[in-house]
């Protein structure tokens, strides 16, 4: 059952909830780096310069999508790289799709041509989710990571706004 929530830009009082999500969702199945931040200040330093949109219902933050250009090059100003996360208690409620739908609208308004992301081959649910939401596979990075004694592929997916 889909939960209708508000998607909006991050506000100062959202940081503790985002920190909890970041410190909860990342595993060796979905990230080559286990993210953990000891403080809100450390988290803020990591995301400096990124746009962050959150999915919220009253005071509860369910998820986020963060956006940044792949490089500072002027030739990359029409592309965003994204990271997306939904709190485990809020998954399978349509929140990730709502975040992506909102992001696609903002991308069009800001004249962004391409939204890209990387996803590990072990994260099959995420791969299915991105494909279901219009993302196409652009690249396969074979044996990109060596985690827990095994190689893992990494994929790049993209969504084109026009």
N, C-alpha and C. Protein backbone atom coordinates (compact mmCIF):
# COMPACT_ATOMS: atom_id res chain seq x y z
N UNK A 1 0.85 -1.19 0.00
CA UNK A 1 0.00 0.00 0.00
C UNK A 1 0.88 1.24 0.00
N UNK A 2 0.61 2.13 -0.92
CA UNK A 2 1.44 3.33 -1.05
C UNK A 2 1.06 4.36 -0.01
N UNK A 3 2.08 4.92 0.61
CA UNK A 3 1.92 5.99 1.60
C UNK A 3 2.20 7.31 0.90
N UNK A 4 1.28 8.25 0.98
CA UNK A 4 1.48 9.56 0.36
C UNK A 4 2.20 10.46 1.36
N UNK A 5 3.31 10.96 0.93
CA UNK A 5 4.13 11.79 1.80
C UNK A 5 4.52 13.07 1.08
N UNK A 6 5.10 13.99 1.81
CA UNK A 6 5.58 15.25 1.25
C UNK A 6 7.03 15.09 0.83
N UNK A 7 7.36 15.54 -0.36
CA UNK A 7 8.75 15.58 -0.81
C UNK A 7 9.16 17.05 -0.80
N UNK A 8 10.28 17.34 -0.15
CA UNK A 8 10.72 18.73 -0.04
C UNK A 8 12.23 18.79 0.16
N UNK A 9 12.76 19.99 0.05
CA UNK A 9 14.18 20.21 0.32
C UNK A 9 14.46 19.98 1.81
N UNK A 10 15.66 19.58 2.08
CA UNK A 10 16.07 19.31 3.46
C UNK A 10 16.02 20.58 4.29
N UNK A 11 15.67 20.41 5.56
CA UNK A 11 15.68 21.51 6.53
C UNK A 11 16.60 21.12 7.68
N UNK A 12 17.04 22.09 8.41
CA UNK A 12 18.01 21.86 9.49
C UNK A 12 17.56 20.78 10.48
N UNK A 13 16.28 20.76 10.83
CA UNK A 13 15.81 19.79 11.83
C UNK A 13 15.70 18.37 11.27
N UNK A 14 15.94 18.18 9.95
CA UNK A 14 15.89 16.84 9.34
C UNK A 14 17.19 16.06 9.52
N UNK A 15 18.27 16.74 9.82
CA UNK A 15 19.58 16.07 9.84
C UNK A 15 19.68 14.89 10.79
N UNK A 16 19.18 14.95 12.02
CA UNK A 16 19.29 13.76 12.88
C UNK A 16 18.60 12.52 12.30
N UNK A 17 17.44 12.70 11.68
CA UNK A 17 16.73 11.57 11.07
C UNK A 17 17.50 11.04 9.86
N UNK A 18 18.07 11.92 9.06
CA UNK A 18 18.88 11.49 7.91
C UNK A 18 20.11 10.74 8.38
N UNK A 19 20.71 11.21 9.43
CA UNK A 19 21.87 10.52 10.00
C UNK A 19 21.49 9.10 10.41
N UNK A 20 20.34 8.93 11.03
CA UNK A 20 19.87 7.60 11.42
C UNK A 20 19.67 6.70 10.20
N UNK A 21 19.06 7.25 9.15
CA UNK A 21 18.86 6.46 7.93
C UNK A 21 20.21 6.04 7.34
N UNK A 22 21.12 7.00 7.19
CA UNK A 22 22.45 6.70 6.64
C UNK A 22 23.16 5.62 7.46
N UNK A 23 23.05 5.72 8.77
CA UNK A 23 23.75 4.77 9.65
C UNK A 23 23.05 3.42 9.73
N UNK A 24 21.86 3.28 9.13
CA UNK A 24 21.08 2.05 9.22
C UNK A 24 21.06 1.25 7.92
N UNK A 25 20.98 1.91 6.77
CA UNK A 25 20.62 1.19 5.55
C UNK A 25 21.79 0.57 4.80
N UNK A 26 23.00 1.03 5.00
CA UNK A 26 24.10 0.55 4.14
C UNK A 26 24.72 -0.74 4.67
N UNK A 27 24.84 -1.72 3.77
CA UNK A 27 25.46 -3.01 4.08
C UNK A 27 26.41 -3.37 2.94
N UNK A 28 27.15 -4.46 3.09
CA UNK A 28 28.01 -4.93 2.00
C UNK A 28 27.21 -5.43 0.80
N UNK A 29 25.90 -5.58 0.94
CA UNK A 29 25.06 -5.98 -0.18
C UNK A 29 24.70 -4.80 -1.08
N UNK A 30 24.74 -3.57 -0.53
CA UNK A 30 24.30 -2.43 -1.33
C UNK A 30 25.30 -1.27 -1.41
N UNK A 31 26.46 -1.43 -0.79
CA UNK A 31 27.44 -0.35 -0.84
C UNK A 31 28.85 -0.91 -0.64
N UNK A 32 29.81 -0.43 -1.42
CA UNK A 32 31.18 -0.88 -1.22
C UNK A 32 31.82 -0.26 0.02
N UNK A 33 31.16 0.78 0.56
CA UNK A 33 31.64 1.45 1.76
C UNK A 33 30.51 1.44 2.78
N UNK A 34 30.80 0.97 3.97
CA UNK A 34 29.79 1.02 5.02
C UNK A 34 29.80 2.42 5.62
N UNK A 35 28.73 3.16 5.34
CA UNK A 35 28.63 4.53 5.82
C UNK A 35 28.26 4.50 7.30
N UNK A 36 28.99 5.27 8.06
CA UNK A 36 28.60 5.48 9.45
C UNK A 36 29.16 6.83 9.87
N UNK A 37 28.31 7.64 10.43
CA UNK A 37 28.70 8.98 10.85
C UNK A 37 28.45 9.10 12.35
N UNK A 38 29.45 9.62 13.05
CA UNK A 38 29.36 9.76 14.51
C UNK A 38 28.53 10.95 14.94
N UNK A 39 28.36 11.92 14.05
CA UNK A 39 27.64 13.13 14.44
C UNK A 39 26.97 13.77 13.24
N UNK A 40 26.02 14.62 13.52
CA UNK A 40 25.35 15.38 12.48
C UNK A 40 26.37 16.25 11.74
N UNK A 41 27.31 16.84 12.48
CA UNK A 41 28.32 17.69 11.84
C UNK A 41 29.16 16.91 10.85
N UNK A 42 29.54 15.69 11.19
CA UNK A 42 30.31 14.85 10.28
C UNK A 42 29.49 14.53 9.04
N UNK A 43 28.22 14.23 9.22
CA UNK A 43 27.34 13.96 8.09
C UNK A 43 27.19 15.18 7.20
N UNK A 44 26.98 16.35 7.80
CA UNK A 44 26.84 17.59 7.04
C UNK A 44 28.09 17.85 6.20
N UNK A 45 29.25 17.58 6.75
CA UNK A 45 30.50 17.77 6.02
C UNK A 45 30.55 16.86 4.79
N UNK A 46 30.08 15.62 4.92
CA UNK A 46 30.08 14.66 3.82
C UNK A 46 29.18 15.11 2.68
N UNK A 47 28.06 15.71 2.99
CA UNK A 47 27.07 16.05 1.96
C UNK A 47 27.15 17.51 1.51
N UNK A 48 28.14 18.23 1.96
CA UNK A 48 28.28 19.64 1.58
C UNK A 48 28.27 19.78 0.06
N UNK A 49 27.49 20.71 -0.42
CA UNK A 49 27.43 20.97 -1.85
C UNK A 49 26.40 20.14 -2.60
N UNK A 50 25.70 19.27 -1.92
CA UNK A 50 24.70 18.44 -2.57
C UNK A 50 23.30 18.99 -2.29
N UNK A 51 22.42 18.76 -3.24
CA UNK A 51 21.00 19.04 -3.01
C UNK A 51 20.43 17.78 -2.40
N UNK A 52 19.61 17.95 -1.38
CA UNK A 52 18.96 16.79 -0.77
C UNK A 52 17.48 17.07 -0.66
N UNK A 53 16.71 16.11 -1.15
CA UNK A 53 15.26 16.15 -1.01
C UNK A 53 14.88 15.00 -0.09
N UNK A 54 13.91 15.26 0.77
CA UNK A 54 13.49 14.22 1.70
C UNK A 54 12.01 13.89 1.51
N UNK A 55 11.67 12.69 1.93
CA UNK A 55 10.29 12.24 1.98
C UNK A 55 9.90 12.27 3.45
N UNK A 56 8.93 13.10 3.78
CA UNK A 56 8.56 13.29 5.19
C UNK A 56 7.05 13.25 5.37
N UNK A 57 6.68 12.88 6.57
CA UNK A 57 5.28 12.89 7.00
C UNK A 57 5.28 13.46 8.41
N UNK A 58 4.80 14.67 8.53
CA UNK A 58 4.88 15.41 9.79
C UNK A 58 6.35 15.52 10.17
N UNK A 59 6.74 15.00 11.34
CA UNK A 59 8.14 15.09 11.79
C UNK A 59 8.95 13.85 11.44
N UNK A 60 8.36 12.89 10.75
CA UNK A 60 9.06 11.64 10.44
C UNK A 60 9.66 11.70 9.04
N UNK A 61 10.96 11.47 8.95
CA UNK A 61 11.65 11.41 7.66
C UNK A 61 11.71 9.95 7.25
N UNK A 62 11.15 9.66 6.07
CA UNK A 62 11.11 8.28 5.58
C UNK A 62 12.27 7.95 4.65
N UNK A 63 12.78 8.94 3.94
CA UNK A 63 13.84 8.68 2.99
C UNK A 63 14.38 9.96 2.39
N UNK A 64 15.36 9.80 1.51
CA UNK A 64 16.02 10.95 0.90
C UNK A 64 16.55 10.58 -0.48
N UNK A 65 16.81 11.59 -1.25
CA UNK A 65 17.60 11.45 -2.47
C UNK A 65 18.56 12.63 -2.48
N UNK A 66 19.85 12.33 -2.65
CA UNK A 66 20.81 13.43 -2.74
C UNK A 66 21.34 13.50 -4.15
N UNK A 67 21.66 14.71 -4.56
CA UNK A 67 21.96 15.02 -5.96
C UNK A 67 23.24 15.85 -6.02
N UNK A 68 24.10 15.51 -6.95
CA UNK A 68 25.28 16.32 -7.22
C UNK A 68 25.74 16.09 -8.65
N UNK A 69 26.47 17.04 -9.19
CA UNK A 69 27.05 16.86 -10.51
C UNK A 69 28.21 15.87 -10.38
N UNK A 70 28.46 15.04 -11.40
CA UNK A 70 29.52 14.04 -11.31
C UNK A 70 30.91 14.64 -11.08
N UNK A 71 31.16 15.80 -11.68
CA UNK A 71 32.43 16.50 -11.51
C UNK A 71 32.14 18.00 -11.53
N UNK A 72 33.12 18.82 -11.19
CA UNK A 72 32.92 20.27 -11.29
C UNK A 72 33.03 20.82 -12.71
N UNK A 73 33.29 19.95 -13.69
CA UNK A 73 33.44 20.40 -15.07
C UNK A 73 32.15 21.04 -15.58
N UNK A 74 32.29 22.12 -16.33
CA UNK A 74 31.14 22.78 -16.93
C UNK A 74 30.38 21.80 -17.84
N UNK A 75 31.10 20.89 -18.48
CA UNK A 75 30.49 19.92 -19.39
C UNK A 75 29.65 18.87 -18.67
N UNK A 76 29.69 18.85 -17.33
CA UNK A 76 28.86 17.93 -16.54
C UNK A 76 27.66 18.62 -15.90
N UNK A 77 27.40 19.86 -16.23
CA UNK A 77 26.32 20.62 -15.58
C UNK A 77 24.92 20.18 -15.99
N UNK A 78 24.81 19.32 -16.99
CA UNK A 78 23.50 18.82 -17.42
C UNK A 78 23.23 17.41 -16.88
N UNK A 79 24.09 16.94 -15.98
CA UNK A 79 23.95 15.60 -15.42
C UNK A 79 24.00 15.64 -13.90
N UNK A 80 23.16 14.82 -13.29
CA UNK A 80 23.20 14.61 -11.84
C UNK A 80 23.55 13.17 -11.56
N UNK A 81 24.33 12.96 -10.52
CA UNK A 81 24.52 11.65 -9.91
C UNK A 81 23.66 11.68 -8.64
N UNK A 82 23.05 10.55 -8.34
CA UNK A 82 22.17 10.53 -7.17
C UNK A 82 22.52 9.39 -6.23
N UNK A 83 22.12 9.58 -5.01
CA UNK A 83 22.09 8.54 -4.00
C UNK A 83 20.70 8.58 -3.39
N UNK A 84 20.14 7.42 -3.14
CA UNK A 84 18.78 7.38 -2.60
C UNK A 84 18.75 6.37 -1.46
N UNK A 85 17.99 6.68 -0.44
CA UNK A 85 17.84 5.77 0.69
C UNK A 85 16.48 5.93 1.34
N UNK A 86 15.91 4.80 1.73
CA UNK A 86 14.63 4.80 2.44
C UNK A 86 14.82 3.99 3.72
N UNK A 87 14.32 4.54 4.82
CA UNK A 87 14.44 3.85 6.11
C UNK A 87 13.84 2.45 5.99
N UNK A 88 14.47 1.44 6.59
CA UNK A 88 13.94 0.06 6.50
C UNK A 88 12.47 -0.06 6.90
N UNK A 89 12.03 0.70 7.88
CA UNK A 89 10.63 0.63 8.33
C UNK A 89 9.67 1.25 7.31
N UNK A 90 10.20 1.99 6.35
CA UNK A 90 9.36 2.69 5.37
C UNK A 90 9.48 2.11 3.96
N UNK A 91 10.23 1.03 3.81
CA UNK A 91 10.40 0.45 2.48
C UNK A 91 9.14 -0.29 2.05
N UNK A 92 8.97 -0.41 0.74
CA UNK A 92 7.81 -1.07 0.10
C UNK A 92 6.51 -0.29 0.28
N UNK A 93 6.62 1.01 0.53
CA UNK A 93 5.43 1.86 0.67
C UNK A 93 5.30 2.86 -0.48
N UNK A 94 6.17 2.74 -1.49
CA UNK A 94 6.12 3.65 -2.62
C UNK A 94 6.92 4.93 -2.43
N UNK A 95 7.65 5.02 -1.35
CA UNK A 95 8.39 6.25 -1.04
C UNK A 95 9.54 6.46 -2.01
N UNK A 96 10.28 5.42 -2.33
CA UNK A 96 11.38 5.55 -3.28
C UNK A 96 10.89 6.02 -4.64
N UNK A 97 9.78 5.47 -5.10
CA UNK A 97 9.22 5.89 -6.38
C UNK A 97 8.80 7.35 -6.34
N UNK A 98 8.18 7.77 -5.23
CA UNK A 98 7.77 9.17 -5.11
C UNK A 98 8.98 10.10 -5.12
N UNK A 99 10.06 9.69 -4.47
CA UNK A 99 11.29 10.48 -4.48
C UNK A 99 11.83 10.62 -5.91
N UNK A 100 11.87 9.50 -6.64
CA UNK A 100 12.38 9.55 -8.02
C UNK A 100 11.46 10.37 -8.93
N UNK A 101 10.16 10.22 -8.77
CA UNK A 101 9.22 11.02 -9.58
C UNK A 101 9.44 12.51 -9.33
N UNK A 102 9.59 12.88 -8.08
CA UNK A 102 9.83 14.29 -7.73
C UNK A 102 11.15 14.76 -8.34
N UNK A 103 12.17 13.93 -8.21
CA UNK A 103 13.48 14.29 -8.74
C UNK A 103 13.45 14.47 -10.25
N UNK A 104 12.74 13.62 -10.94
CA UNK A 104 12.62 13.75 -12.40
C UNK A 104 11.98 15.09 -12.77
N UNK A 105 10.97 15.51 -12.04
CA UNK A 105 10.31 16.80 -12.30
C UNK A 105 11.28 17.96 -12.06
N UNK A 106 12.01 17.91 -10.95
CA UNK A 106 12.97 18.97 -10.64
C UNK A 106 14.07 19.01 -11.69
N UNK A 107 14.52 17.84 -12.14
CA UNK A 107 15.57 17.77 -13.16
C UNK A 107 15.11 18.48 -14.44
N UNK A 108 13.89 18.25 -14.85
CA UNK A 108 13.37 18.91 -16.05
C UNK A 108 13.33 20.43 -15.84
N UNK A 109 12.85 20.86 -14.67
CA UNK A 109 12.78 22.30 -14.37
C UNK A 109 14.17 22.94 -14.38
N UNK A 110 15.18 22.18 -13.96
CA UNK A 110 16.55 22.72 -13.87
C UNK A 110 17.39 22.38 -15.09
N UNK A 111 16.73 21.91 -16.16
CA UNK A 111 17.38 21.62 -17.43
C UNK A 111 18.49 20.56 -17.30
N UNK A 112 18.24 19.55 -16.49
CA UNK A 112 19.15 18.41 -16.35
C UNK A 112 18.72 17.36 -17.37
N UNK A 113 19.64 16.89 -18.17
CA UNK A 113 19.36 15.93 -19.24
C UNK A 113 19.45 14.48 -18.75
N UNK A 114 20.34 14.21 -17.80
CA UNK A 114 20.63 12.83 -17.41
C UNK A 114 20.78 12.72 -15.90
N UNK A 115 20.13 11.69 -15.34
CA UNK A 115 20.26 11.36 -13.92
C UNK A 115 20.93 9.99 -13.86
N UNK A 116 22.07 9.92 -13.21
CA UNK A 116 22.85 8.68 -13.15
C UNK A 116 22.99 8.17 -11.73
N UNK A 117 23.25 6.88 -11.64
CA UNK A 117 23.54 6.27 -10.35
C UNK A 117 24.36 5.01 -10.57
N UNK A 118 25.00 4.58 -9.52
CA UNK A 118 25.73 3.31 -9.54
C UNK A 118 25.05 2.39 -8.53
N UNK A 119 25.00 1.10 -8.88
CA UNK A 119 24.36 0.11 -8.02
C UNK A 119 25.14 -1.20 -8.10
N UNK A 120 25.39 -1.80 -6.96
CA UNK A 120 26.13 -3.05 -6.92
C UNK A 120 25.29 -4.21 -7.45
N UNK A 121 25.96 -5.14 -8.12
CA UNK A 121 25.28 -6.30 -8.69
C UNK A 121 24.56 -7.15 -7.66
N UNK A 122 25.02 -7.13 -6.41
CA UNK A 122 24.37 -7.90 -5.35
C UNK A 122 23.06 -7.28 -4.90
N UNK A 123 22.80 -6.05 -5.29
CA UNK A 123 21.60 -5.33 -4.86
C UNK A 123 20.50 -5.49 -5.92
N UNK A 124 20.05 -6.72 -6.08
CA UNK A 124 19.11 -7.04 -7.17
C UNK A 124 17.76 -6.33 -7.00
N UNK A 125 17.31 -6.14 -5.78
CA UNK A 125 16.04 -5.42 -5.57
C UNK A 125 16.15 -3.98 -6.07
N UNK A 126 17.28 -3.34 -5.81
CA UNK A 126 17.47 -1.96 -6.27
C UNK A 126 17.54 -1.91 -7.79
N UNK A 127 18.22 -2.87 -8.41
CA UNK A 127 18.31 -2.91 -9.86
C UNK A 127 16.91 -3.01 -10.46
N UNK A 128 16.09 -3.89 -9.93
CA UNK A 128 14.70 -4.03 -10.41
C UNK A 128 13.93 -2.73 -10.20
N UNK A 129 14.12 -2.09 -9.06
CA UNK A 129 13.45 -0.84 -8.75
C UNK A 129 13.82 0.24 -9.76
N UNK A 130 15.11 0.38 -10.06
CA UNK A 130 15.54 1.42 -11.01
C UNK A 130 15.00 1.14 -12.40
N UNK A 131 15.05 -0.11 -12.84
CA UNK A 131 14.52 -0.46 -14.16
C UNK A 131 13.02 -0.17 -14.23
N UNK A 132 12.30 -0.50 -13.18
CA UNK A 132 10.85 -0.26 -13.12
C UNK A 132 10.54 1.24 -13.20
N UNK A 133 11.49 2.07 -12.76
CA UNK A 133 11.30 3.52 -12.75
C UNK A 133 11.97 4.22 -13.92
N UNK A 134 12.24 3.47 -15.00
CA UNK A 134 12.68 4.08 -16.25
C UNK A 134 14.18 4.24 -16.43
N UNK A 135 14.97 3.74 -15.52
CA UNK A 135 16.42 3.82 -15.65
C UNK A 135 16.90 2.68 -16.54
N UNK A 136 17.92 2.96 -17.35
CA UNK A 136 18.49 1.93 -18.21
C UNK A 136 19.96 1.71 -17.84
N UNK A 137 20.41 0.48 -18.03
CA UNK A 137 21.80 0.16 -17.73
C UNK A 137 22.69 0.76 -18.81
N UNK A 138 23.67 1.52 -18.39
CA UNK A 138 24.65 2.11 -19.30
C UNK A 138 25.97 1.37 -19.28
N UNK A 139 26.34 0.85 -18.13
CA UNK A 139 27.67 0.26 -18.01
C UNK A 139 27.67 -0.87 -17.00
N UNK A 140 28.58 -1.79 -17.22
CA UNK A 140 28.87 -2.86 -16.27
C UNK A 140 30.34 -2.76 -15.93
N UNK A 141 30.62 -2.64 -14.65
CA UNK A 141 31.99 -2.64 -14.15
C UNK A 141 32.23 -4.01 -13.52
N UNK A 142 32.78 -4.92 -14.32
CA UNK A 142 32.97 -6.32 -13.92
C UNK A 142 34.00 -6.39 -12.79
N UNK A 143 33.65 -7.17 -11.74
CA UNK A 143 34.55 -7.38 -10.60
C UNK A 143 35.10 -6.06 -10.05
N UNK A 144 34.24 -5.07 -9.95
CA UNK A 144 34.64 -3.73 -9.53
C UNK A 144 35.11 -3.68 -8.08
N UNK A 145 34.48 -4.47 -7.23
CA UNK A 145 34.80 -4.46 -5.80
C UNK A 145 35.16 -5.86 -5.33
N UNK A 146 36.03 -5.92 -4.33
CA UNK A 146 36.37 -7.18 -3.66
C UNK A 146 35.92 -7.03 -2.22
N UNK A 147 34.82 -7.69 -1.87
CA UNK A 147 34.19 -7.52 -0.56
C UNK A 147 33.98 -8.89 0.07
N UNK A 148 34.40 -9.04 1.29
CA UNK A 148 34.22 -10.28 2.05
C UNK A 148 34.71 -11.50 1.25
N UNK A 149 35.85 -11.36 0.59
CA UNK A 149 36.46 -12.48 -0.10
C UNK A 149 35.89 -12.79 -1.47
N UNK A 150 35.04 -11.93 -2.01
CA UNK A 150 34.44 -12.20 -3.33
C UNK A 150 34.40 -10.92 -4.15
N UNK A 151 34.51 -11.08 -5.47
CA UNK A 151 34.37 -9.94 -6.37
C UNK A 151 32.90 -9.63 -6.59
N UNK A 152 32.62 -8.37 -6.81
CA UNK A 152 31.25 -7.92 -7.02
C UNK A 152 31.22 -6.95 -8.20
N UNK A 153 30.27 -7.15 -9.10
CA UNK A 153 30.07 -6.24 -10.22
C UNK A 153 29.39 -4.97 -9.73
N UNK A 154 29.56 -3.92 -10.50
CA UNK A 154 28.87 -2.66 -10.25
C UNK A 154 28.29 -2.19 -11.58
N UNK A 155 27.11 -1.60 -11.52
CA UNK A 155 26.42 -1.15 -12.72
C UNK A 155 26.21 0.36 -12.65
N UNK A 156 26.19 0.99 -13.81
CA UNK A 156 25.75 2.37 -13.88
C UNK A 156 24.44 2.39 -14.65
N UNK A 157 23.45 3.06 -14.06
CA UNK A 157 22.14 3.24 -14.67
C UNK A 157 21.92 4.72 -14.90
N UNK A 158 21.05 5.03 -15.87
CA UNK A 158 20.73 6.42 -16.16
C UNK A 158 19.28 6.56 -16.56
N UNK A 159 18.77 7.73 -16.28
CA UNK A 159 17.44 8.15 -16.71
C UNK A 159 17.64 9.42 -17.51
N UNK A 160 17.04 9.49 -18.69
CA UNK A 160 17.16 10.67 -19.54
C UNK A 160 15.84 11.43 -19.52
N UNK A 161 15.92 12.72 -19.28
CA UNK A 161 14.71 13.53 -19.12
C UNK A 161 14.05 13.91 -20.43
N UNK A 162 14.77 13.76 -21.54
CA UNK A 162 14.14 14.09 -22.83
C UNK A 162 14.54 13.10 -23.89
